[in-house]
N, C-alpha and C. Protein backbone atom coordinates (compact mmCIF):
# COMPACT_ATOMS: atom_id res chain seq x y z
N UNK A 1 6.90 -6.35 -32.86
CA UNK A 1 7.89 -6.43 -31.75
C UNK A 1 7.18 -6.89 -30.47
N UNK A 2 7.80 -7.89 -29.84
CA UNK A 2 7.06 -8.50 -28.63
C UNK A 2 7.43 -7.70 -27.43
N UNK A 3 6.46 -7.56 -26.56
CA UNK A 3 6.62 -6.92 -25.28
C UNK A 3 7.53 -7.76 -24.35
N UNK A 4 8.30 -7.01 -23.56
CA UNK A 4 9.07 -7.74 -22.48
C UNK A 4 8.22 -8.08 -21.28
N UNK A 5 8.28 -9.13 -20.77
CA UNK A 5 7.51 -9.54 -19.58
C UNK A 5 8.45 -9.87 -18.42
N UNK A 6 8.00 -9.76 -17.20
CA UNK A 6 8.84 -10.03 -16.03
C UNK A 6 8.66 -11.55 -15.77
N UNK A 7 9.38 -12.05 -14.74
CA UNK A 7 9.31 -13.48 -14.53
C UNK A 7 7.94 -13.93 -13.97
N UNK A 8 7.00 -13.07 -13.82
CA UNK A 8 5.69 -13.36 -13.39
C UNK A 8 4.73 -13.23 -14.65
N UNK A 9 5.24 -12.96 -15.75
CA UNK A 9 4.45 -12.86 -16.96
C UNK A 9 3.71 -11.52 -17.14
N UNK A 10 4.20 -10.50 -16.34
CA UNK A 10 3.46 -9.17 -16.46
C UNK A 10 4.39 -8.18 -17.28
N UNK A 11 3.75 -7.20 -17.79
CA UNK A 11 4.42 -6.09 -18.47
C UNK A 11 5.27 -5.31 -17.47
N UNK A 12 6.30 -4.57 -17.92
CA UNK A 12 7.00 -3.71 -17.02
C UNK A 12 6.02 -2.66 -16.49
N UNK A 13 6.11 -2.42 -15.11
CA UNK A 13 5.32 -1.52 -14.42
C UNK A 13 4.02 -2.07 -13.83
N UNK A 14 3.71 -3.28 -14.31
CA UNK A 14 2.54 -3.97 -13.79
C UNK A 14 2.84 -4.82 -12.53
N UNK A 15 3.93 -5.35 -12.48
CA UNK A 15 4.39 -6.26 -11.31
C UNK A 15 4.88 -5.46 -10.17
N UNK A 16 4.20 -5.58 -9.01
CA UNK A 16 4.64 -4.89 -7.80
C UNK A 16 5.96 -5.45 -7.23
N UNK A 17 6.18 -6.72 -7.53
CA UNK A 17 7.41 -7.36 -7.00
C UNK A 17 8.59 -7.07 -7.84
N UNK A 18 8.43 -6.98 -9.16
CA UNK A 18 9.66 -6.84 -10.07
C UNK A 18 9.82 -5.40 -10.36
N UNK A 19 8.86 -4.62 -10.18
CA UNK A 19 8.95 -3.27 -10.52
C UNK A 19 9.72 -2.44 -9.54
N UNK A 20 10.20 -1.24 -9.88
CA UNK A 20 10.99 -0.45 -8.96
C UNK A 20 10.02 0.24 -8.00
N UNK A 21 10.62 0.50 -6.80
CA UNK A 21 9.88 1.12 -5.72
C UNK A 21 10.06 2.67 -6.13
N UNK A 22 8.87 3.40 -6.00
CA UNK A 22 9.01 4.79 -6.39
C UNK A 22 9.89 5.55 -5.38
N UNK A 23 10.48 6.55 -5.84
CA UNK A 23 11.48 7.36 -4.99
C UNK A 23 10.67 7.89 -3.80
N UNK A 24 11.21 7.79 -2.69
CA UNK A 24 10.68 8.29 -1.47
C UNK A 24 9.70 7.24 -0.70
N UNK A 25 9.49 6.20 -1.25
CA UNK A 25 8.75 5.08 -0.61
C UNK A 25 9.64 4.09 0.06
N UNK A 26 9.42 3.93 1.32
CA UNK A 26 10.29 2.98 2.08
C UNK A 26 10.11 1.55 1.73
N UNK A 27 11.03 0.70 2.08
CA UNK A 27 10.92 -0.77 1.71
C UNK A 27 9.65 -1.31 2.45
N UNK A 28 9.60 -0.91 3.68
CA UNK A 28 8.49 -1.42 4.55
C UNK A 28 7.42 -0.33 4.77
N UNK A 29 6.16 -0.71 4.63
CA UNK A 29 5.05 0.25 4.78
C UNK A 29 4.08 -0.39 5.73
N UNK A 30 3.01 0.35 6.15
CA UNK A 30 2.03 -0.01 7.14
C UNK A 30 0.71 -0.21 6.51
N UNK A 31 0.00 -1.34 6.81
CA UNK A 31 -1.36 -1.54 6.31
C UNK A 31 -2.22 -2.11 7.44
N UNK A 32 -3.49 -2.03 7.16
CA UNK A 32 -4.43 -2.72 8.06
C UNK A 32 -5.21 -3.73 7.27
N UNK A 33 -5.60 -4.77 7.97
CA UNK A 33 -6.37 -5.89 7.28
C UNK A 33 -7.58 -5.42 6.40
N UNK A 34 -8.32 -4.47 6.98
CA UNK A 34 -9.41 -3.97 6.21
C UNK A 34 -9.29 -2.81 5.23
N UNK A 35 -8.01 -2.33 5.23
CA UNK A 35 -7.77 -1.07 4.47
C UNK A 35 -7.45 -1.24 3.02
N UNK A 36 -7.37 -0.28 2.27
CA UNK A 36 -7.01 -0.39 0.81
C UNK A 36 -5.84 0.48 0.44
N UNK A 37 -5.10 1.08 1.43
CA UNK A 37 -3.95 1.80 1.16
C UNK A 37 -2.76 1.49 2.03
N UNK A 38 -1.62 1.88 1.67
CA UNK A 38 -0.37 1.58 2.57
C UNK A 38 0.05 2.98 3.03
N UNK A 39 0.68 2.96 4.20
CA UNK A 39 1.09 4.18 4.79
C UNK A 39 2.52 4.22 5.22
N UNK A 40 3.03 5.37 5.44
CA UNK A 40 4.42 5.53 5.70
C UNK A 40 4.69 5.08 7.21
N UNK A 41 3.83 5.41 8.13
CA UNK A 41 3.94 4.85 9.51
C UNK A 41 2.61 4.61 10.17
N UNK A 42 2.61 3.95 11.22
CA UNK A 42 1.32 3.51 11.84
C UNK A 42 0.46 4.65 12.56
N UNK A 43 1.22 5.82 12.67
CA UNK A 43 0.50 6.93 13.25
C UNK A 43 -0.05 7.93 12.23
N UNK A 44 -0.19 7.48 10.96
CA UNK A 44 -0.72 8.42 9.91
C UNK A 44 -2.08 8.84 10.25
N UNK A 45 -2.35 10.15 10.17
CA UNK A 45 -3.61 10.71 10.45
C UNK A 45 -4.72 10.14 9.70
N UNK A 46 -4.49 9.72 8.42
CA UNK A 46 -5.60 9.27 7.49
C UNK A 46 -5.79 7.80 7.97
N UNK A 47 -4.85 7.04 8.43
CA UNK A 47 -5.07 5.69 8.89
C UNK A 47 -5.87 5.74 10.20
N UNK A 48 -5.53 6.63 11.12
CA UNK A 48 -6.21 6.71 12.30
C UNK A 48 -7.67 7.21 12.13
N UNK A 49 -7.86 8.11 11.17
CA UNK A 49 -9.17 8.56 10.82
C UNK A 49 -10.04 7.45 10.22
N UNK A 50 -9.43 6.66 9.38
CA UNK A 50 -10.18 5.51 8.82
C UNK A 50 -10.56 4.49 9.84
N UNK A 51 -9.69 4.28 10.85
CA UNK A 51 -10.04 3.35 11.92
C UNK A 51 -11.19 3.88 12.63
N UNK A 52 -11.19 5.18 12.89
CA UNK A 52 -12.35 5.75 13.74
C UNK A 52 -13.55 5.71 12.93
N UNK A 53 -13.53 5.98 11.58
CA UNK A 53 -14.73 5.85 10.83
C UNK A 53 -15.31 4.35 10.83
N UNK A 54 -14.42 3.43 10.70
CA UNK A 54 -14.87 2.15 10.70
C UNK A 54 -15.47 1.65 12.09
N UNK A 55 -14.95 2.26 13.16
CA UNK A 55 -15.54 1.98 14.50
C UNK A 55 -16.89 2.61 14.61
N UNK A 56 -17.05 3.86 14.08
CA UNK A 56 -18.33 4.56 14.17
C UNK A 56 -19.40 3.79 13.39
N UNK A 57 -19.07 3.09 12.33
CA UNK A 57 -19.99 2.31 11.49
C UNK A 57 -20.15 0.91 12.19
N UNK A 58 -19.58 0.69 13.18
CA UNK A 58 -19.72 -0.67 13.86
C UNK A 58 -18.88 -1.72 13.32
N UNK A 59 -17.96 -1.40 12.46
CA UNK A 59 -17.01 -2.40 11.75
C UNK A 59 -15.92 -2.79 12.68
N UNK A 60 -15.29 -3.90 12.46
CA UNK A 60 -14.21 -4.32 13.23
C UNK A 60 -12.93 -3.61 12.69
N UNK A 61 -12.02 -3.27 13.64
CA UNK A 61 -10.79 -2.61 13.17
C UNK A 61 -9.62 -3.59 13.39
N UNK A 62 -8.55 -3.34 12.75
CA UNK A 62 -7.37 -4.18 12.85
C UNK A 62 -6.13 -3.38 13.20
N UNK A 63 -5.25 -3.88 13.97
CA UNK A 63 -3.97 -3.19 14.25
C UNK A 63 -3.17 -3.09 12.98
N UNK A 64 -2.44 -1.94 12.76
CA UNK A 64 -1.59 -1.76 11.63
C UNK A 64 -0.42 -2.74 11.69
N UNK A 65 -0.04 -3.24 10.66
CA UNK A 65 1.16 -4.19 10.52
C UNK A 65 2.08 -3.67 9.41
N UNK A 66 3.39 -3.92 9.77
CA UNK A 66 4.36 -3.52 8.86
C UNK A 66 4.65 -4.65 7.74
N UNK A 67 4.49 -4.34 6.53
CA UNK A 67 4.75 -5.24 5.40
C UNK A 67 5.70 -4.71 4.40
N UNK A 68 6.23 -5.51 3.57
CA UNK A 68 7.12 -5.00 2.46
C UNK A 68 6.19 -4.26 1.47
N UNK A 69 6.78 -3.14 0.86
CA UNK A 69 6.16 -2.35 -0.17
C UNK A 69 5.62 -3.26 -1.25
N UNK A 70 6.41 -4.28 -1.70
CA UNK A 70 5.92 -5.10 -2.69
C UNK A 70 4.72 -6.01 -2.33
N UNK A 71 4.70 -6.42 -1.07
CA UNK A 71 3.50 -7.13 -0.60
C UNK A 71 2.28 -6.25 -0.63
N UNK A 72 2.36 -5.03 -0.17
CA UNK A 72 1.25 -4.14 -0.17
C UNK A 72 0.75 -3.85 -1.59
N UNK A 73 1.67 -3.63 -2.44
CA UNK A 73 1.26 -3.36 -4.01
C UNK A 73 0.72 -4.66 -4.56
N UNK A 74 1.23 -5.77 -4.30
CA UNK A 74 0.72 -7.11 -4.85
C UNK A 74 -0.65 -7.28 -4.36
N UNK A 75 -1.01 -6.83 -3.15
CA UNK A 75 -2.39 -7.03 -2.63
C UNK A 75 -3.31 -5.96 -3.22
N UNK A 76 -2.86 -5.08 -4.08
CA UNK A 76 -3.77 -4.16 -4.74
C UNK A 76 -3.88 -2.82 -4.00
N UNK A 77 -3.08 -2.66 -3.03
CA UNK A 77 -3.19 -1.33 -2.28
C UNK A 77 -2.47 -0.23 -2.97
N UNK A 78 -2.91 0.91 -2.79
CA UNK A 78 -2.27 2.10 -3.29
C UNK A 78 -1.73 3.01 -2.22
N UNK A 79 -0.94 4.04 -2.61
CA UNK A 79 -0.30 4.86 -1.56
C UNK A 79 -1.33 5.74 -0.95
N UNK A 80 -1.22 5.96 0.40
CA UNK A 80 -2.02 6.89 1.09
C UNK A 80 -1.76 8.34 0.62
N UNK A 81 -2.67 9.08 0.19
CA UNK A 81 -2.41 10.42 -0.28
C UNK A 81 -1.99 11.41 0.78
N UNK A 82 -2.24 11.07 2.04
CA UNK A 82 -1.78 11.90 3.07
C UNK A 82 -0.25 11.65 3.38
N UNK A 83 0.16 10.36 3.37
CA UNK A 83 1.60 9.97 3.59
C UNK A 83 2.36 10.28 2.41
N UNK A 84 1.85 10.19 1.20
CA UNK A 84 2.61 10.20 -0.05
C UNK A 84 1.86 11.11 -1.00
N UNK A 85 1.87 12.46 -0.64
CA UNK A 85 1.12 13.51 -1.47
C UNK A 85 1.73 13.45 -2.92
N UNK A 86 0.91 13.60 -3.84
CA UNK A 86 1.36 13.78 -5.21
C UNK A 86 2.05 15.00 -5.40
N UNK A 87 3.04 15.00 -6.25
CA UNK A 87 3.89 16.26 -6.37
C UNK A 87 3.35 17.01 -7.62
């Protein structure tokens, strides 16, 4: 039995663009250029703490930007555990 693939050649659940957005996740999320998570809003305490940590290490920080959930997932980002706690 052949596996079904999306239009990008990926299996169901692997494609951030074709897959369904999880319940409770908005269409638009917030990211920073140097981060690895997406956030519900730009005032997320974890995002702000991460920016502070980067500054203390002498690293450059970047302003949060709003992007589509699919864009955030396609770039390999995962949900912020503070914004989207696991149930």
